[in-house]
Amino acid sequence: MHRHRHPERQKHHGFTLMELLVVLVLVGVVASLATLSVGDGAERKLRTEAERLAGALRLARDELLITGEADRALGLRHDAYSFLELVILDDATREWQPVTDPQLGPRQLEQGLMELDLEIEGERRGLRQTDGWEPHIRLGATGEMTPAVITLRIPGNQLEQYIRVGLEGSVEVLNELEEE
């Protein structure tokens, strides 16, 4: 009997179109997840600084509620902020000075990368560029604060974060302001 021989099938080396598409989709998903997790460095820094300032405001408010002390305020400059306390120098002289606490003391923002603005009662207040401090947001011993909106922005960019301070002592970080 004569056997009919089939030639051995040739083995092809390489990838099918389907395998290539699956790999491309997986690479795309991983790349997009990496981009989302890294994000824009400036936006992340802005958000971190806004959260830090809001946290410091809450801390200062809570300290006053516990200790019952009075005469504390948040002083703002265009490129820095600090919590201040009213110091009595003599019978007739009082002066606002930065607190020495590392959490509440002066904080310099990155030069040219971030700046502050302040709005109280719908009116924008000019912030000093000098070395001295003046109180902007007063903190009371019962938790109340001067109602205000602090804006942190990156110059020459659309990125802004807002900190809304309520009369009753609420502090919230917002990506955008809602019209009231």
C-alpha atoms as a PDB file:
ATOM      1  CA  MET A   1       0.000   0.000   0.000  1.00  0.00           C
ATOM      2  CA  HIS A   2       1.096   3.304  -0.887  1.00  0.00           C
ATOM      3  CA  ARG A   3       0.895   5.886   1.769  1.00  0.00           C
ATOM      4  CA  HIS A   4       0.189   9.379   0.761  1.00  0.00           C
ATOM      5  CA  ARG A   5       2.529  11.611   2.586  1.00  0.00           C
ATOM      6  CA  HIS A   6       1.438  15.004   3.650  1.00  0.00           C
ATOM      7  CA  PRO A   7       4.178  17.443   3.699  1.00  0.00           C
ATOM      8  CA  GLU A   8       4.788  18.623   7.241  1.00  0.00           C
ATOM      9  CA  ARG A   9       3.163  21.856   7.941  1.00  0.00           C
ATOM     10  CA  GLN A  10       5.561  24.652   8.147  1.00  0.00           C
ATOM     11  CA  LYS A  11       5.655  26.375  11.524  1.00  0.00           C
ATOM     12  CA  HIS A  12       5.354  30.114  11.235  1.00  0.00           C
ATOM     13  CA  HIS A  13       7.161  32.168  13.812  1.00  0.00           C
ATOM     14  CA  GLY A  14       5.715  35.518  14.730  1.00  0.00           C
ATOM     15  CA  PHE A  15       2.643  37.089  16.258  1.00  0.00           C
ATOM     16  CA  THR A  16      -0.883  37.133  15.005  1.00  0.00           C
ATOM     17  CA  LEU A  17      -2.670  40.392  14.494  1.00  0.00           C
ATOM     18  CA  MET A  18      -4.886  39.618  17.491  1.00  0.00           C
ATOM     19  CA  GLU A  19      -1.898  39.114  19.781  1.00  0.00           C
ATOM     20  CA  LEU A  20      -0.404  42.407  18.662  1.00  0.00           C
ATOM     21  CA  LEU A  21      -3.683  44.248  19.277  1.00  0.00           C
ATOM     22  CA  VAL A  22      -4.020  42.798  22.786  1.00  0.00           C
ATOM     23  CA  VAL A  23      -0.476  43.879  23.656  1.00  0.00           C
ATOM     24  CA  LEU A  24      -1.070  47.381  22.277  1.00  0.00           C
ATOM     25  CA  VAL A  25      -4.276  47.761  24.300  1.00  0.00           C
ATOM     26  CA  LEU A  26      -2.511  46.617  27.479  1.00  0.00           C
ATOM     27  CA  VAL A  27       0.386  49.023  26.902  1.00  0.00           C
ATOM     28  CA  GLY A  28      -2.107  51.857  26.335  1.00  0.00           C
ATOM     29  CA  VAL A  29      -3.992  51.089  29.544  1.00  0.00           C
ATOM     30  CA  VAL A  30      -0.795  50.931  31.606  1.00  0.00           C
ATOM     31  CA  ALA A  31       0.478  54.195  30.073  1.00  0.00           C
ATOM     32  CA  SER A  32      -2.794  56.018  30.783  1.00  0.00           C
ATOM     33  CA  LEU A  33      -2.842  54.783  34.388  1.00  0.00           C
ATOM     34  CA  ALA A  34       0.737  55.938  34.848  1.00  0.00           C
ATOM     35  CA  THR A  35      -0.125  59.371  33.431  1.00  0.00           C
ATOM     36  CA  LEU A  36      -3.143  59.700  35.733  1.00  0.00           C
ATOM     37  CA  SER A  37      -1.184  58.706  38.812  1.00  0.00           C
ATOM     38  CA  VAL A  38       1.678  61.082  38.059  1.00  0.00           C
ATOM     39  CA  GLY A  39      -0.547  63.936  36.905  1.00  0.00           C
ATOM     40  CA  ASP A  40       0.615  67.486  36.425  1.00  0.00           C
ATOM     41  CA  GLY A  41       3.275  68.311  39.008  1.00  0.00           C
ATOM     42  CA  ALA A  42       2.203  71.957  39.279  1.00  0.00           C
ATOM     43  CA  GLU A  43      -1.421  71.010  39.887  1.00  0.00           C
ATOM     44  CA  ARG A  44      -0.409  68.507  42.561  1.00  0.00           C
ATOM     45  CA  LYS A  45       1.845  71.060  44.303  1.00  0.00           C
ATOM     46  CA  LEU A  46      -0.953  73.624  44.254  1.00  0.00           C
ATOM     47  CA  ARG A  47      -3.452  71.186  45.736  1.00  0.00           C
ATOM     48  CA  THR A  48      -0.941  70.041  48.377  1.00  0.00           C
ATOM     49  CA  GLU A  49      -0.218  73.627  49.443  1.00  0.00           C
ATOM     50  CA  ALA A  50      -3.945  74.459  49.608  1.00  0.00           C
ATOM     51  CA  GLU A  51      -4.563  71.379  51.775  1.00  0.00           C
ATOM     52  CA  ARG A  52      -1.602  72.316  53.980  1.00  0.00           C
ATOM     53  CA  LEU A  53      -2.887  75.877  54.548  1.00  0.00           C
ATOM     54  CA  ALA A  54      -6.427  74.630  55.202  1.00  0.00           C
ATOM     55  CA  GLY A  55      -5.082  72.052  57.672  1.00  0.00           C
ATOM     56  CA  ALA A  56      -3.046  74.726  59.461  1.00  0.00           C
ATOM     57  CA  LEU A  57      -6.172  76.920  59.726  1.00  0.00           C
ATOM     58  CA  ARG A  58      -8.104  74.032  61.264  1.00  0.00           C
ATOM     59  CA  LEU A  59      -5.232  73.293  63.652  1.00  0.00           C
ATOM     60  CA  ALA A  60      -5.018  76.932  64.784  1.00  0.00           C
ATOM     61  CA  ARG A  61      -8.822  77.038  65.264  1.00  0.00           C
ATOM     62  CA  ASP A  62      -8.766  73.811  67.303  1.00  0.00           C
ATOM     63  CA  GLU A  63      -5.873  75.044  69.457  1.00  0.00           C
ATOM     64  CA  LEU A  64      -7.816  78.197  70.306  1.00  0.00           C
ATOM     65  CA  LEU A  65     -10.917  76.168  71.146  1.00  0.00           C
ATOM     66  CA  ILE A  66      -8.885  74.031  73.553  1.00  0.00           C
ATOM     67  CA  THR A  67      -6.745  76.736  75.165  1.00  0.00           C
ATOM     68  CA  GLY A  68      -9.286  79.574  75.116  1.00  0.00           C
ATOM     69  CA  GLU A  69      -6.563  82.037  74.147  1.00  0.00           C
ATOM     70  CA  ALA A  70      -7.505  84.997  72.007  1.00  0.00           C
ATOM     71  CA  ASP A  71      -5.903  87.388  69.574  1.00  0.00           C
ATOM     72  CA  ARG A  72      -4.648  85.064  66.849  1.00  0.00           C
ATOM     73  CA  ALA A  73      -4.873  85.707  63.133  1.00  0.00           C
ATOM     74  CA  LEU A  74      -3.663  84.475  59.781  1.00  0.00           C
ATOM     75  CA  GLY A  75      -1.417  86.934  58.006  1.00  0.00           C
ATOM     76  CA  LEU A  76      -0.992  86.660  54.260  1.00  0.00           C
ATOM     77  CA  ARG A  77       1.513  88.063  51.820  1.00  0.00           C
ATOM     78  CA  HIS A  78       1.570  87.598  48.082  1.00  0.00           C
ATOM     79  CA  ASP A  79       4.123  84.785  48.451  1.00  0.00           C
ATOM     80  CA  ALA A  80       3.888  83.646  52.104  1.00  0.00           C
ATOM     81  CA  TYR A  81       1.611  83.153  55.093  1.00  0.00           C
ATOM     82  CA  SER A  82       1.923  82.857  58.856  1.00  0.00           C
ATOM     83  CA  PHE A  83      -0.239  82.660  61.916  1.00  0.00           C
ATOM     84  CA  LEU A  84       0.183  85.672  64.139  1.00  0.00           C
ATOM     85  CA  GLU A  85      -0.376  86.412  67.793  1.00  0.00           C
ATOM     86  CA  LEU A  86      -0.926  89.804  69.363  1.00  0.00           C
ATOM     87  CA  VAL A  87       2.039  90.524  71.624  1.00  0.00           C
ATOM     88  CA  ILE A  88       1.859  93.244  74.256  1.00  0.00           C
ATOM     89  CA  LEU A  89       5.176  95.088  74.225  1.00  0.00           C
ATOM     90  CA  ASP A  90       4.262  97.676  76.864  1.00  0.00           C
ATOM     91  CA  ASP A  91       1.147  99.387  78.221  1.00  0.00           C
ATOM     92  CA  ALA A  92       0.529 101.289  75.009  1.00  0.00           C
ATOM     93  CA  THR A  93       2.117  99.092  72.341  1.00  0.00           C
ATOM     94  CA  ARG A  94       0.788  95.917  70.814  1.00  0.00           C
ATOM     95  CA  GLU A  95       2.185  94.182  67.766  1.00  0.00           C
ATOM     96  CA  TRP A  96       1.252  91.203  65.591  1.00  0.00           C
ATOM     97  CA  GLN A  97       4.142  88.758  65.472  1.00  0.00           C
ATOM     98  CA  PRO A  98       4.474  85.337  63.795  1.00  0.00           C
ATOM     99  CA  VAL A  99       3.973  82.355  66.087  1.00  0.00           C
ATOM    100  CA  THR A 100       7.047  80.232  66.659  1.00  0.00           C
ATOM    101  CA  ASP A 101       5.263  76.879  66.184  1.00  0.00           C
ATOM    102  CA  PRO A 102       6.742  75.034  63.140  1.00  0.00           C
ATOM    103  CA  GLN A 103       3.237  74.075  61.912  1.00  0.00           C
ATOM    104  CA  LEU A 104       1.796  77.586  62.214  1.00  0.00           C
ATOM    105  CA  GLY A 105       4.854  79.801  61.782  1.00  0.00           C
ATOM    106  CA  PRO A 106       5.868  81.570  58.571  1.00  0.00           C
ATOM    107  CA  ARG A 107       5.659  79.534  55.368  1.00  0.00           C
ATOM    108  CA  GLN A 108       7.279  80.830  52.213  1.00  0.00           C
ATOM    109  CA  LEU A 109       5.730  79.687  48.928  1.00  0.00           C
ATOM    110  CA  GLU A 110       7.977  78.641  46.059  1.00  0.00           C
ATOM    111  CA  GLN A 111       9.191  81.872  44.495  1.00  0.00           C
ATOM    112  CA  GLY A 112       7.418  82.587  41.215  1.00  0.00           C
ATOM    113  CA  LEU A 113       5.605  79.238  41.228  1.00  0.00           C
ATOM    114  CA  MET A 114       2.690  80.045  43.507  1.00  0.00           C
ATOM    115  CA  GLU A 115       0.937  83.159  44.785  1.00  0.00           C
ATOM    116  CA  LEU A 116      -1.899  84.077  47.138  1.00  0.00           C
ATOM    117  CA  ASP A 117      -4.909  86.363  46.833  1.00  0.00           C
ATOM    118  CA  LEU A 118      -7.507  87.240  49.445  1.00  0.00           C
ATOM    119  CA  GLU A 119     -11.155  88.175  49.178  1.00  0.00           C
ATOM    120  CA  ILE A 120     -13.157  89.343  52.195  1.00  0.00           C
ATOM    121  CA  GLU A 121     -16.859  90.224  51.869  1.00  0.00           C
ATOM    122  CA  GLY A 122     -16.630  89.994  48.082  1.00  0.00           C
ATOM    123  CA  GLU A 123     -13.801  92.536  47.955  1.00  0.00           C
ATOM    124  CA  ARG A 124     -10.312  91.610  46.845  1.00  0.00           C
ATOM    125  CA  ARG A 125      -7.649  92.757  49.300  1.00  0.00           C
ATOM    126  CA  GLY A 126      -4.165  93.710  48.239  1.00  0.00           C
ATOM    127  CA  LEU A 127      -1.468  91.644  49.907  1.00  0.00           C
ATOM    128  CA  ARG A 128       1.854  93.129  50.983  1.00  0.00           C
ATOM    129  CA  GLN A 129       5.185  92.277  49.462  1.00  0.00           C
ATOM    130  CA  THR A 130       7.204  93.537  52.459  1.00  0.00           C
ATOM    131  CA  ASP A 131       8.693  91.733  55.428  1.00  0.00           C
ATOM    132  CA  GLY A 132       6.080  92.854  57.961  1.00  0.00           C
ATOM    133  CA  TRP A 133       2.940  90.911  58.818  1.00  0.00           C
ATOM    134  CA  GLU A 134      -0.602  92.149  59.236  1.00  0.00           C
ATOM    135  CA  PRO A 135      -3.631  90.138  60.341  1.00  0.00           C
ATOM    136  CA  HIS A 136      -6.176  89.255  57.649  1.00  0.00           C
ATOM    137  CA  ILE A 137      -8.255  86.394  59.026  1.00  0.00           C
ATOM    138  CA  ARG A 138      -8.943  86.691  62.755  1.00  0.00           C
ATOM    139  CA  LEU A 139      -9.522  83.522  64.759  1.00  0.00           C
ATOM    140  CA  GLY A 140     -11.734  83.646  67.839  1.00  0.00           C
ATOM    141  CA  ALA A 141     -11.562  81.589  71.010  1.00  0.00           C
ATOM    142  CA  THR A 142     -15.015  80.120  70.291  1.00  0.00           C
ATOM    143  CA  GLY A 143     -14.098  78.884  66.814  1.00  0.00           C
ATOM    144  CA  GLU A 144     -15.314  81.784  64.698  1.00  0.00           C
ATOM    145  CA  MET A 145     -13.146  83.218  61.920  1.00  0.00           C
ATOM    146  CA  THR A 146     -13.252  86.125  59.525  1.00  0.00           C
ATOM    147  CA  PRO A 147     -15.204  84.847  56.492  1.00  0.00           C
ATOM    148  CA  ALA A 148     -12.915  84.920  53.467  1.00  0.00           C
ATOM    149  CA  VAL A 149     -11.766  83.185  50.305  1.00  0.00           C
ATOM    150  CA  ILE A 150      -8.044  82.575  49.886  1.00  0.00           C
ATOM    151  CA  THR A 151      -6.933  81.859  46.322  1.00  0.00           C
ATOM    152  CA  LEU A 152      -3.739  79.959  45.577  1.00  0.00           C
ATOM    153  CA  ARG A 153      -2.678  80.214  41.944  1.00  0.00           C
ATOM    154  CA  ILE A 154       0.169  79.450  39.646  1.00  0.00           C
ATOM    155  CA  PRO A 155       1.141  82.665  37.809  1.00  0.00           C
ATOM    156  CA  GLY A 156       0.588  82.552  34.059  1.00  0.00           C
ATOM    157  CA  ASN A 157      -1.577  79.439  34.370  1.00  0.00           C
ATOM    158  CA  GLN A 158      -5.280  78.698  34.732  1.00  0.00           C
ATOM    159  CA  LEU A 159      -4.685  76.499  37.798  1.00  0.00           C
ATOM    160  CA  GLU A 160      -6.269  77.804  41.000  1.00  0.00           C
ATOM    161  CA  GLN A 161      -7.330  76.344  44.329  1.00  0.00           C
ATOM    162  CA  TYR A 162      -9.630  78.115  46.753  1.00  0.00           C
ATOM    163  CA  ILE A 163      -9.937  77.915  50.511  1.00  0.00           C
ATOM    164  CA  ARG A 164     -13.284  79.104  51.794  1.00  0.00           C
ATOM    165  CA  VAL A 165     -13.310  80.163  55.442  1.00  0.00           C
ATOM    166  CA  GLY A 166     -16.717  80.439  57.107  1.00  0.00           C
ATOM    167  CA  LEU A 167     -17.736  82.667  60.013  1.00  0.00           C
ATOM    168  CA  GLU A 168     -18.483  79.596  62.154  1.00  0.00           C
ATOM    169  CA  GLY A 169     -14.948  78.275  61.570  1.00  0.00           C
ATOM    170  CA  SER A 170     -15.483  75.965  58.599  1.00  0.00           C
ATOM    171  CA  VAL A 171     -12.530  75.570  56.239  1.00  0.00           C
ATOM    172  CA  GLU A 172     -12.894  73.859  52.865  1.00  0.00           C
ATOM    173  CA  VAL A 173     -10.633  73.475  49.840  1.00  0.00           C
ATOM    174  CA  LEU A 174     -12.382  73.933  46.493  1.00  0.00           C
ATOM    175  CA  ASN A 175     -11.300  73.454  42.888  1.00  0.00           C
ATOM    176  CA  GLU A 176     -13.653  76.200  41.778  1.00  0.00           C
ATOM    177  CA  LEU A 177     -15.924  78.706  43.454  1.00  0.00           C
ATOM    178  CA  GLU A 178     -19.661  78.356  43.231  1.00  0.00           C
ATOM    179  CA  GLU A 179     -21.554  81.586  42.782  1.00  0.00           C
ATOM    180  CA  GLU A 180     -23.556  82.475  45.851  1.00  0.00           C
END
